[in-house]
């Protein structure tokens, strides 16, 4: 409320009406806030937050399946546990021909072989993985039709992805805008991460001027 009032007091309605686009995350309160402050602005859900949402849903299901898996020494368990980052990799960047050594498994295979091995643990996991990849590909290629088709034809799996898809469908208009727009909060998110890392490493600053100076040094 205080932030909204400060905007309204500092900028006139005429000035705020000239704002064309605002990029935000999936927080519903932000949407109400923006529609009042910037009546003509197009709301865009940042692609980073969409990808983060579906990847977290996939990981939650992956961890659940790992806990249910009896043999922690099996190839499938090790593929899902140790090499989990590979399941977030863009499908177009996955190597399907060149073999490499994977620790934990202690085997040589292609990246696609390892992914197929991990997904063989559960048809549900495979479906959720394919859904996540389709959404990411739609955002990357700015394909609104494919995005809408993927979301609207998703079959519930009694998994965390169900909630994520429901959230995206509720915000379909704004998520679709992220497909069509090149705007992103990526650079700002990167700066925020650097500032948080700076605060953690330095254990705080007694002099705020020194803190601001350090921020200027790391963001340039």
Protein backbone atom coordinates (compact mmCIF):
# COMPACT_ATOMS: atom_id res chain seq x y z
CA UNK A 1 0.00 0.00 0.00
CA UNK A 2 2.80 2.41 0.92
CA UNK A 3 4.69 1.63 -2.29
CA UNK A 4 1.57 2.14 -4.38
CA UNK A 5 0.89 5.50 -2.73
CA UNK A 6 4.47 6.63 -3.30
CA UNK A 7 4.12 5.85 -7.01
CA UNK A 8 0.81 7.66 -7.26
CA UNK A 9 2.19 10.71 -5.42
CA UNK A 10 5.43 10.83 -7.38
CA UNK A 11 4.05 10.19 -10.88
CA UNK A 12 0.85 11.56 -12.33
CA UNK A 13 -1.75 9.32 -13.97
CA UNK A 14 -0.83 10.82 -17.32
CA UNK A 15 2.81 9.82 -16.84
CA UNK A 16 1.93 6.34 -15.61
CA UNK A 17 -0.42 5.83 -18.54
CA UNK A 18 2.50 6.06 -20.95
CA UNK A 19 4.08 2.86 -19.57
CA UNK A 20 3.67 0.21 -22.27
CA UNK A 21 4.95 -3.00 -20.64
CA UNK A 22 5.76 -4.33 -17.18
CA UNK A 23 7.58 -7.62 -16.59
CA UNK A 24 6.78 -9.42 -13.33
CA UNK A 25 6.75 -12.87 -11.73
CA UNK A 26 3.62 -14.96 -11.04
CA UNK A 27 2.59 -13.12 -7.88
CA UNK A 28 -1.11 -12.25 -8.28
CA UNK A 29 -0.78 -9.22 -5.98
CA UNK A 30 1.67 -7.64 -8.42
CA UNK A 31 -0.91 -7.89 -11.19
CA UNK A 32 -3.51 -5.96 -9.18
CA UNK A 33 -0.85 -3.43 -8.23
CA UNK A 34 0.23 -2.87 -11.84
CA UNK A 35 -3.26 -2.67 -13.34
CA UNK A 36 -4.05 0.22 -10.99
CA UNK A 37 -0.76 2.07 -11.35
CA UNK A 38 -0.19 1.54 -15.08
CA UNK A 39 -3.65 1.23 -16.69
CA UNK A 40 -2.33 0.92 -20.27
CA UNK A 41 0.62 -1.37 -19.57
CA UNK A 42 0.86 -4.87 -20.99
CA UNK A 43 1.68 -7.36 -18.23
CA UNK A 44 4.37 -9.89 -19.11
CA UNK A 45 5.23 -12.88 -16.94
CA UNK A 46 8.99 -13.22 -16.97
CA UNK A 47 10.12 -16.37 -18.81
CA UNK A 48 12.66 -17.11 -16.09
CA UNK A 49 9.91 -17.56 -13.50
CA UNK A 50 7.85 -19.78 -15.80
CA UNK A 51 10.81 -22.08 -16.42
CA UNK A 52 11.68 -22.04 -12.72
CA UNK A 53 8.11 -23.04 -11.83
CA UNK A 54 7.94 -26.07 -14.13
CA UNK A 55 11.49 -27.22 -13.32
CA UNK A 56 10.70 -27.17 -9.60
CA UNK A 57 7.58 -29.23 -10.26
CA UNK A 58 9.61 -31.79 -12.20
CA UNK A 59 12.24 -31.93 -9.44
CA UNK A 60 9.62 -32.46 -6.75
CA UNK A 61 8.25 -35.45 -8.65
CA UNK A 62 11.77 -36.74 -9.34
CA UNK A 63 12.63 -36.62 -5.63
CA UNK A 64 9.36 -38.36 -4.72
CA UNK A 65 10.13 -41.19 -7.15
CA UNK A 66 13.66 -41.48 -5.76
CA UNK A 67 12.27 -41.89 -2.24
CA UNK A 68 9.91 -44.60 -3.44
CA UNK A 69 12.66 -46.39 -5.33
CA UNK A 70 13.90 -49.34 -3.32
CA UNK A 71 17.38 -49.89 -4.71
CA UNK A 72 19.67 -46.87 -4.22
CA UNK A 73 22.45 -48.66 -6.08
CA UNK A 74 20.45 -49.18 -9.26
CA UNK A 75 21.36 -47.46 -12.53
CA UNK A 76 18.01 -45.67 -12.68
CA UNK A 77 18.40 -44.26 -9.16
CA UNK A 78 21.90 -42.99 -9.88
CA UNK A 79 20.82 -41.45 -13.19
CA UNK A 80 18.07 -39.44 -11.48
CA UNK A 81 20.01 -38.64 -8.31
CA UNK A 82 23.52 -37.75 -9.41
CA UNK A 83 22.94 -36.39 -12.92
CA UNK A 84 19.76 -34.42 -12.21
CA UNK A 85 21.00 -31.26 -13.94
CA UNK A 86 20.92 -33.00 -17.28
CA UNK A 87 17.11 -33.26 -17.06
CA UNK A 88 16.88 -29.45 -17.11
CA UNK A 89 19.02 -29.10 -20.21
CA UNK A 90 17.48 -27.76 -23.41
CA UNK A 91 16.56 -30.72 -25.64
CA UNK A 92 18.27 -29.08 -28.60
CA UNK A 93 21.55 -29.04 -26.66
CA UNK A 94 21.40 -32.66 -25.55
CA UNK A 95 24.09 -34.80 -27.18
CA UNK A 96 22.51 -37.85 -28.82
CA UNK A 97 25.52 -39.27 -30.62
CA UNK A 98 28.72 -38.69 -28.64
CA UNK A 99 29.29 -40.89 -25.58
CA UNK A 100 30.74 -39.54 -22.36
CA UNK A 101 31.62 -40.86 -18.93
CA UNK A 102 29.05 -40.34 -16.18
CA UNK A 103 30.25 -40.55 -12.60
CA UNK A 104 28.10 -42.52 -10.24
CA UNK A 105 26.99 -44.80 -13.03
CA UNK A 106 30.62 -45.40 -13.99
CA UNK A 107 29.52 -45.92 -17.58
CA UNK A 108 29.98 -44.39 -20.99
CA UNK A 109 26.79 -43.38 -22.77
CA UNK A 110 25.20 -40.46 -24.56
CA UNK A 111 23.32 -37.76 -22.67
CA UNK A 112 20.09 -38.91 -24.31
CA UNK A 113 20.73 -42.49 -23.16
CA UNK A 114 21.06 -41.30 -19.57
CA UNK A 115 17.87 -39.24 -19.76
CA UNK A 116 15.96 -42.19 -21.22
CA UNK A 117 17.33 -44.40 -18.45
CA UNK A 118 16.16 -42.02 -15.72
CA UNK A 119 12.72 -41.47 -17.26
CA UNK A 120 12.17 -45.22 -17.50
CA UNK A 121 11.60 -45.12 -13.74
CA UNK A 122 8.04 -43.85 -14.23
CA UNK A 123 5.67 -43.05 -17.14
CA UNK A 124 4.40 -40.14 -15.02
CA UNK A 125 7.92 -38.71 -14.73
CA UNK A 126 8.44 -39.04 -18.48
CA UNK A 127 5.19 -37.21 -19.24
CA UNK A 128 6.00 -34.39 -16.83
CA UNK A 129 9.52 -34.11 -18.29
CA UNK A 130 8.17 -33.88 -21.85
CA UNK A 131 5.62 -31.27 -20.77
CA UNK A 132 8.31 -29.13 -19.15
CA UNK A 133 10.48 -29.35 -22.25
CA UNK A 134 7.59 -28.39 -24.54
CA UNK A 135 6.84 -25.30 -22.46
CA UNK A 136 10.49 -24.25 -22.45
CA UNK A 137 10.74 -24.77 -26.20
CA UNK A 138 7.58 -22.70 -26.76
CA UNK A 139 9.04 -19.81 -24.78
CA UNK A 140 12.41 -20.04 -26.50
CA UNK A 141 10.89 -20.06 -30.00
CA UNK A 142 8.14 -17.56 -29.14
CA UNK A 143 5.53 -20.12 -30.20
CA UNK A 144 2.29 -19.03 -28.52
CA UNK A 145 0.18 -21.69 -30.26
CA UNK A 146 2.37 -24.51 -29.02
CA UNK A 147 2.39 -23.07 -25.50
CA UNK A 148 -1.39 -22.84 -25.37
CA UNK A 149 -1.77 -26.32 -26.86
CA UNK A 150 0.61 -27.82 -24.28
CA UNK A 151 -1.13 -26.15 -21.35
CA UNK A 152 -4.68 -26.82 -22.49
CA UNK A 153 -4.05 -30.48 -23.36
CA UNK A 154 -2.10 -31.37 -20.25
CA UNK A 155 -3.46 -34.48 -18.53
CA UNK A 156 -3.33 -34.35 -14.73
CA UNK A 157 -0.86 -36.79 -13.21
CA UNK A 158 -1.45 -36.30 -9.47
CA UNK A 159 1.92 -34.58 -9.34
CA UNK A 160 3.28 -31.11 -8.48
CA UNK A 161 3.17 -30.29 -12.20
CA UNK A 162 -0.64 -30.25 -12.00
CA UNK A 163 -0.53 -27.19 -9.75
CA UNK A 164 2.08 -25.48 -11.93
CA UNK A 165 0.05 -25.99 -15.10
CA UNK A 166 -3.09 -24.68 -13.35
CA UNK A 167 -1.17 -21.56 -12.31
CA UNK A 168 0.07 -20.98 -15.86
CA UNK A 169 -3.41 -21.49 -17.32
CA UNK A 170 -4.85 -18.93 -14.87
CA UNK A 171 -2.24 -16.47 -16.12
CA UNK A 172 -2.34 -17.65 -19.75
CA UNK A 173 -2.77 -14.17 -21.21
CA UNK A 174 0.29 -12.80 -19.42
CA UNK A 175 2.33 -15.96 -19.98
CA UNK A 176 1.50 -15.77 -23.69
CA UNK A 177 2.79 -12.21 -23.69
CA UNK A 178 6.15 -13.55 -22.52
CA UNK A 179 6.23 -15.68 -25.67
CA UNK A 180 5.65 -12.73 -27.95
CA UNK A 181 7.84 -10.21 -26.13
CA UNK A 182 11.62 -10.06 -25.97
CA UNK A 183 11.51 -8.23 -22.62
CA UNK A 184 12.92 -10.03 -19.59
CA UNK A 185 13.92 -9.36 -15.99
CA UNK A 186 16.99 -11.53 -16.50
CA UNK A 187 19.57 -8.69 -16.25
CA UNK A 188 17.93 -7.30 -13.08
CA UNK A 189 17.69 -10.78 -11.53
CA UNK A 190 21.38 -11.21 -12.25
CA UNK A 191 22.26 -7.93 -10.50
CA UNK A 192 20.11 -8.86 -7.48
CA UNK A 193 21.93 -12.17 -7.21
CA UNK A 194 25.31 -10.41 -7.24
CA UNK A 195 24.18 -8.02 -4.50
CA UNK A 196 22.95 -10.90 -2.32
CA UNK A 197 26.24 -12.72 -2.83
CA UNK A 198 28.12 -9.53 -1.89
CA UNK A 199 26.16 -9.18 1.36
CA UNK A 200 26.78 -12.81 2.23
CA UNK A 201 30.52 -12.70 1.53
CA UNK A 202 31.12 -9.42 3.36
CA UNK A 203 28.87 -10.19 6.36
CA UNK A 204 27.32 -6.74 6.12
CA UNK A 205 28.66 -3.17 5.96
CA UNK A 206 28.89 -0.59 8.73
CA UNK A 207 29.07 2.21 6.20
CA UNK A 208 26.27 2.16 3.59
CA UNK A 209 28.28 4.41 1.27
CA UNK A 210 30.90 1.66 1.06
CA UNK A 211 28.15 -0.86 0.32
CA UNK A 212 26.76 1.25 -2.53
CA UNK A 213 30.26 1.72 -3.91
CA UNK A 214 30.86 -2.02 -3.95
CA UNK A 215 27.54 -2.58 -5.73
CA UNK A 216 28.53 -0.11 -8.44
CA UNK A 217 31.81 -1.98 -8.89
CA UNK A 218 30.22 -5.40 -9.38
CA UNK A 219 27.38 -4.33 -11.70
CA UNK A 220 29.54 -2.42 -14.16
